[in-house]
Amino acid sequence: MSEVLQTQRNLEELVKLLRIYFQLDEILSFATFELEDNEVVAEISAVKDRVRKVIEKLIS
């Protein structure tokens, strides 16, 4: 039973991270096209990359 609960928690975390990832994608688009602030775009991109790496670890 414990393994099932751990799998469920991992899936819940994965869903949360995927939501964050896609929200960051929308924010990145906004920053790129509306704000045109390269520093902000770079910071958001870096966070998005870190979230992507965590997602990759969870699914591997």
N, C-alpha and C. Protein backbone atom coordinates (compact mmCIF):
# COMPACT_ATOMS: atom_id res chain seq x y z
N MET A 1 0.83 -1.21 0.00
CA MET A 1 0.00 0.00 0.00
C MET A 1 0.86 1.26 0.00
N SER A 2 1.96 1.23 0.69
CA SER A 2 2.83 2.40 0.78
C SER A 2 3.39 2.78 -0.59
N GLU A 3 3.72 1.79 -1.40
CA GLU A 3 4.25 2.05 -2.74
C GLU A 3 3.18 2.73 -3.61
N VAL A 4 1.95 2.32 -3.46
CA VAL A 4 0.85 2.93 -4.21
C VAL A 4 0.69 4.39 -3.80
N LEU A 5 0.75 4.66 -2.51
CA LEU A 5 0.63 6.04 -2.02
C LEU A 5 1.78 6.90 -2.52
N GLN A 6 2.97 6.33 -2.54
CA GLN A 6 4.13 7.09 -3.03
C GLN A 6 3.98 7.39 -4.52
N THR A 7 3.50 6.43 -5.28
CA THR A 7 3.27 6.65 -6.71
C THR A 7 2.23 7.74 -6.92
N GLN A 8 1.17 7.71 -6.12
CA GLN A 8 0.13 8.73 -6.23
C GLN A 8 0.69 10.11 -5.90
N ARG A 9 1.50 10.19 -4.87
CA ARG A 9 2.12 11.48 -4.51
C ARG A 9 3.03 11.98 -5.63
N ASN A 10 3.80 11.06 -6.20
CA ASN A 10 4.69 11.45 -7.29
C ASN A 10 3.90 11.98 -8.49
N LEU A 11 2.79 11.33 -8.79
CA LEU A 11 1.95 11.79 -9.89
C LEU A 11 1.34 13.16 -9.59
N GLU A 12 0.93 13.37 -8.35
CA GLU A 12 0.39 14.66 -7.96
C GLU A 12 1.45 15.75 -8.10
N GLU A 13 2.66 15.46 -7.69
CA GLU A 13 3.76 16.42 -7.82
C GLU A 13 4.06 16.70 -9.29
N LEU A 14 4.02 15.65 -10.10
CA LEU A 14 4.27 15.81 -11.52
C LEU A 14 3.22 16.72 -12.16
N VAL A 15 1.96 16.52 -11.81
CA VAL A 15 0.89 17.36 -12.34
C VAL A 15 1.10 18.82 -11.92
N LYS A 16 1.45 19.05 -10.68
CA LYS A 16 1.71 20.42 -10.20
C LYS A 16 2.86 21.06 -10.98
N LEU A 17 3.92 20.30 -11.16
CA LEU A 17 5.08 20.83 -11.87
C LEU A 17 4.76 21.11 -13.34
N LEU A 18 3.96 20.25 -13.95
CA LEU A 18 3.56 20.49 -15.34
C LEU A 18 2.72 21.76 -15.46
N ARG A 19 1.84 21.97 -14.50
CA ARG A 19 1.04 23.21 -14.50
C ARG A 19 1.94 24.43 -14.39
N ILE A 20 2.88 24.35 -13.46
CA ILE A 20 3.82 25.46 -13.28
C ILE A 20 4.63 25.69 -14.55
N TYR A 21 5.08 24.61 -15.16
CA TYR A 21 5.89 24.71 -16.38
C TYR A 21 5.13 25.45 -17.48
N PHE A 22 3.87 25.07 -17.69
CA PHE A 22 3.09 25.70 -18.75
C PHE A 22 2.69 27.14 -18.39
N GLN A 23 2.51 27.42 -17.11
CA GLN A 23 2.26 28.79 -16.70
C GLN A 23 3.50 29.65 -16.95
N LEU A 24 4.66 29.08 -16.66
CA LEU A 24 5.90 29.80 -16.93
C LEU A 24 6.06 30.05 -18.43
N ASP A 25 5.62 29.11 -19.24
CA ASP A 25 5.68 29.28 -20.68
C ASP A 25 4.84 30.48 -21.12
N GLU A 26 3.65 30.61 -20.55
CA GLU A 26 2.79 31.76 -20.87
C GLU A 26 3.42 33.06 -20.38
N ILE A 27 3.97 33.03 -19.18
CA ILE A 27 4.62 34.22 -18.63
C ILE A 27 5.82 34.60 -19.48
N LEU A 28 6.57 33.60 -19.92
CA LEU A 28 7.73 33.85 -20.77
C LEU A 28 7.32 34.50 -22.09
N SER A 29 6.25 34.03 -22.67
CA SER A 29 5.75 34.63 -23.92
C SER A 29 5.37 36.09 -23.67
N PHE A 30 4.68 36.34 -22.57
CA PHE A 30 4.29 37.71 -22.24
C PHE A 30 5.53 38.59 -22.06
N ALA A 31 6.49 38.09 -21.31
CA ALA A 31 7.71 38.88 -21.06
C ALA A 31 8.47 39.15 -22.35
N THR A 32 8.47 38.17 -23.24
CA THR A 32 9.20 38.31 -24.49
C THR A 32 8.55 39.34 -25.41
N PHE A 33 7.24 39.24 -25.57
CA PHE A 33 6.56 40.06 -26.57
C PHE A 33 5.99 41.37 -26.03
N GLU A 34 5.64 41.39 -24.77
CA GLU A 34 5.02 42.60 -24.22
C GLU A 34 6.02 43.46 -23.44
N LEU A 35 6.77 42.83 -22.58
CA LEU A 35 7.71 43.60 -21.75
C LEU A 35 9.01 43.91 -22.48
N GLU A 36 9.42 42.98 -23.33
CA GLU A 36 10.68 43.11 -24.06
C GLU A 36 11.84 43.41 -23.13
N ASP A 37 11.87 42.73 -22.01
CA ASP A 37 12.92 42.90 -21.00
C ASP A 37 13.77 41.63 -20.99
N ASN A 38 14.96 41.71 -21.58
CA ASN A 38 15.81 40.52 -21.73
C ASN A 38 16.23 39.92 -20.40
N GLU A 39 16.43 40.77 -19.41
CA GLU A 39 16.83 40.25 -18.09
C GLU A 39 15.73 39.41 -17.47
N VAL A 40 14.50 39.88 -17.54
CA VAL A 40 13.35 39.13 -17.01
C VAL A 40 13.16 37.84 -17.79
N VAL A 41 13.27 37.92 -19.11
CA VAL A 41 13.13 36.73 -19.96
C VAL A 41 14.18 35.69 -19.59
N ALA A 42 15.39 36.11 -19.37
CA ALA A 42 16.46 35.19 -19.00
C ALA A 42 16.18 34.52 -17.66
N GLU A 43 15.71 35.27 -16.70
CA GLU A 43 15.41 34.71 -15.38
C GLU A 43 14.26 33.71 -15.45
N ILE A 44 13.21 34.06 -16.18
CA ILE A 44 12.07 33.15 -16.32
C ILE A 44 12.50 31.89 -17.06
N SER A 45 13.31 32.05 -18.08
CA SER A 45 13.81 30.89 -18.83
C SER A 45 14.62 29.96 -17.94
N ALA A 46 15.42 30.54 -17.07
CA ALA A 46 16.24 29.73 -16.17
C ALA A 46 15.35 28.92 -15.21
N VAL A 47 14.32 29.57 -14.68
CA VAL A 47 13.40 28.87 -13.77
C VAL A 47 12.67 27.76 -14.53
N LYS A 48 12.22 28.08 -15.73
CA LYS A 48 11.52 27.09 -16.55
C LYS A 48 12.41 25.89 -16.83
N ASP A 49 13.69 26.12 -17.12
CA ASP A 49 14.63 25.03 -17.35
C ASP A 49 14.82 24.16 -16.11
N ARG A 50 14.89 24.80 -14.94
CA ARG A 50 15.04 24.03 -13.70
C ARG A 50 13.80 23.18 -13.44
N VAL A 51 12.62 23.73 -13.68
CA VAL A 51 11.39 22.96 -13.51
C VAL A 51 11.37 21.79 -14.48
N ARG A 52 11.79 22.03 -15.72
CA ARG A 52 11.84 20.96 -16.72
C ARG A 52 12.75 19.83 -16.28
N LYS A 53 13.88 20.17 -15.70
CA LYS A 53 14.82 19.15 -15.23
C LYS A 53 14.21 18.30 -14.11
N VAL A 54 13.48 18.94 -13.22
CA VAL A 54 12.81 18.20 -12.13
C VAL A 54 11.75 17.27 -12.72
N ILE A 55 10.99 17.77 -13.70
CA ILE A 55 9.98 16.93 -14.37
C ILE A 55 10.66 15.73 -15.02
N GLU A 56 11.75 15.96 -15.70
CA GLU A 56 12.47 14.86 -16.35
C GLU A 56 12.92 13.81 -15.33
N LYS A 57 13.40 14.26 -14.18
CA LYS A 57 13.81 13.31 -13.13
C LYS A 57 12.64 12.48 -12.64
N LEU A 58 11.47 13.12 -12.49
CA LEU A 58 10.30 12.41 -12.00
C LEU A 58 9.81 11.35 -12.98
N ILE A 59 9.94 11.61 -14.27
CA ILE A 59 9.40 10.66 -15.24
C ILE A 59 10.43 9.64 -15.71
N SER A 60 11.66 9.79 -15.28
CA SER A 60 12.67 8.81 -15.72
C SER A 60 12.83 7.68 -14.72
